């Protein structure tokens, strides 16, 4: 998997998660430097679905080497709780990305009353 394919997945996730009624807003920020790429995907969850109004956001953060797509990857919430954290993750295939998507979904489910919207 290359950098362009990874970015396409981030955009796809943005579109997929935006149909969840619990999601108020999604931001996808991509910062490209000569040797690294930073990706932030933030899901702001809608008031009324939350278990705790102080914990209303799920964030995927990636800081990767552009050549190897290896580096720090985490999924966390507003209170700093990690659902996934790997300091030396290598993004190599769609299966690995599917598991990250599942961690994002799990975090949203845990923050909302009644779990999954699907």
Protein backbone atom coordinates (compact mmCIF):
# COMPACT_ATOMS: atom_id res chain seq x y z
CA UNK A 1 0.00 0.00 0.00
CA UNK A 2 1.24 3.46 -0.85
CA UNK A 3 0.63 6.94 0.48
CA UNK A 4 -2.10 7.73 -2.06
CA UNK A 5 -4.04 4.56 -1.21
CA UNK A 6 -3.80 5.39 2.49
CA UNK A 7 -5.18 8.89 1.90
CA UNK A 8 -8.00 7.44 -0.20
CA UNK A 9 -8.96 5.24 2.78
CA UNK A 10 -9.00 8.25 5.11
CA UNK A 11 -11.35 10.07 2.73
CA UNK A 12 -13.52 6.95 2.44
CA UNK A 13 -13.74 6.70 6.24
CA UNK A 14 -14.71 10.36 6.46
CA UNK A 15 -17.59 9.68 4.08
CA UNK A 16 -18.62 6.42 5.80
CA UNK A 17 -18.60 7.80 9.35
CA UNK A 18 -20.48 10.95 8.28
CA UNK A 19 -23.68 8.90 7.71
CA UNK A 20 -23.72 7.85 11.39
CA UNK A 21 -26.51 9.92 13.02
CA UNK A 22 -24.40 10.21 16.18
CA UNK A 23 -21.66 12.13 14.32
CA UNK A 24 -22.13 15.89 14.27
CA UNK A 25 -18.97 16.74 12.32
CA UNK A 26 -15.91 15.05 10.86
CA UNK A 27 -12.57 16.70 10.16
CA UNK A 28 -9.77 15.10 8.20
CA UNK A 29 -6.47 16.98 8.34
CA UNK A 30 -3.39 15.88 6.41
CA UNK A 31 0.02 17.46 6.91
CA UNK A 32 2.70 16.46 4.43
CA UNK A 33 6.37 17.11 5.13
CA UNK A 34 9.36 15.96 3.07
CA UNK A 35 9.90 12.80 5.12
CA UNK A 36 6.70 12.36 7.13
CA UNK A 37 2.95 12.58 6.89
CA UNK A 38 0.56 13.39 9.75
CA UNK A 39 -3.09 12.44 9.52
CA UNK A 40 -5.83 13.45 11.95
CA UNK A 41 -9.36 12.14 11.56
CA UNK A 42 -11.69 13.61 14.17
CA UNK A 43 -15.31 12.60 14.81
CA UNK A 44 -17.26 15.09 16.91
CA UNK A 45 -20.23 13.25 18.38
CA UNK A 46 -23.69 14.74 18.69
CA UNK A 47 -25.11 15.88 22.02
CA UNK A 48 -28.02 13.68 23.04
CA UNK A 49 -26.25 10.45 22.10
CA UNK A 50 -23.35 10.85 24.53
CA UNK A 51 -22.91 9.05 27.83
CA UNK A 52 -20.75 11.96 29.03
CA UNK A 53 -20.96 15.41 27.41
CA UNK A 54 -17.30 16.06 28.33
CA UNK A 55 -16.23 13.11 26.18
CA UNK A 56 -17.55 13.95 22.72
CA UNK A 57 -14.73 13.24 20.27
CA UNK A 58 -12.92 10.28 18.74
CA UNK A 59 -9.58 10.97 17.04
CA UNK A 60 -7.39 8.84 14.80
CA UNK A 61 -3.86 10.23 14.74
CA UNK A 62 -1.09 8.93 12.49
CA UNK A 63 2.50 10.17 12.28
CA UNK A 64 4.17 8.11 9.58
CA UNK A 65 7.39 8.02 7.60
CA UNK A 66 6.38 8.74 4.00
CA UNK A 67 8.73 6.17 2.48
CA UNK A 68 7.74 3.26 4.73
CA UNK A 69 4.30 4.30 6.08
CA UNK A 70 5.58 3.26 9.47
CA UNK A 71 5.24 5.19 12.73
CA UNK A 72 2.88 6.12 15.55
CA UNK A 73 -0.83 5.38 15.18
CA UNK A 74 -3.49 5.88 17.84
CA UNK A 75 -7.24 6.11 18.34
CA UNK A 76 -8.28 8.08 21.43
CA UNK A 77 -11.19 10.02 22.92
CA UNK A 78 -11.59 13.50 24.43
CA UNK A 79 -10.50 12.31 27.86
CA UNK A 80 -7.25 10.85 26.53
CA UNK A 81 -8.27 7.20 26.76
CA UNK A 82 -6.63 5.09 24.07
CA UNK A 83 -8.58 2.46 22.14
CA UNK A 84 -5.52 1.69 20.04
CA UNK A 85 -1.88 2.77 20.37
CA UNK A 86 1.08 1.48 18.43
CA UNK A 87 4.40 3.33 18.38
CA UNK A 88 5.86 1.42 15.41
CA UNK A 89 2.85 0.53 13.26
CA UNK A 90 3.42 -0.29 9.61
CA UNK A 91 0.46 0.39 7.34
CA UNK A 92 0.77 -2.31 4.70
CA UNK A 93 -2.65 -3.50 3.61
CA UNK A 94 -6.40 -3.07 3.76
CA UNK A 95 -6.78 -5.61 6.57
CA UNK A 96 -4.69 -3.43 8.89
CA UNK A 97 -6.72 -0.39 7.93
CA UNK A 98 -9.96 -2.29 8.50
CA UNK A 99 -8.88 -2.99 12.07
CA UNK A 100 -8.19 0.74 12.61
CA UNK A 101 -11.66 1.55 11.29
CA UNK A 102 -13.08 -0.97 13.76
CA UNK A 103 -11.22 0.75 16.65
CA UNK A 104 -12.71 4.10 15.60
CA UNK A 105 -16.18 2.55 15.51
CA UNK A 106 -15.61 0.86 18.88
CA UNK A 107 -14.60 4.16 20.46
CA UNK A 108 -17.71 5.91 19.11
CA UNK A 109 -19.88 3.04 20.34
CA UNK A 110 -18.38 3.25 23.83
CA UNK A 111 -18.94 7.00 24.08
CA UNK A 112 -22.58 6.86 23.01
CA UNK A 113 -25.69 5.63 24.76
CA UNK A 114 -26.96 2.39 23.25
CA UNK A 115 -23.73 1.56 21.42
CA UNK A 116 -23.73 1.23 17.64
CA UNK A 117 -26.05 3.24 15.42
CA UNK A 118 -26.14 0.46 12.83
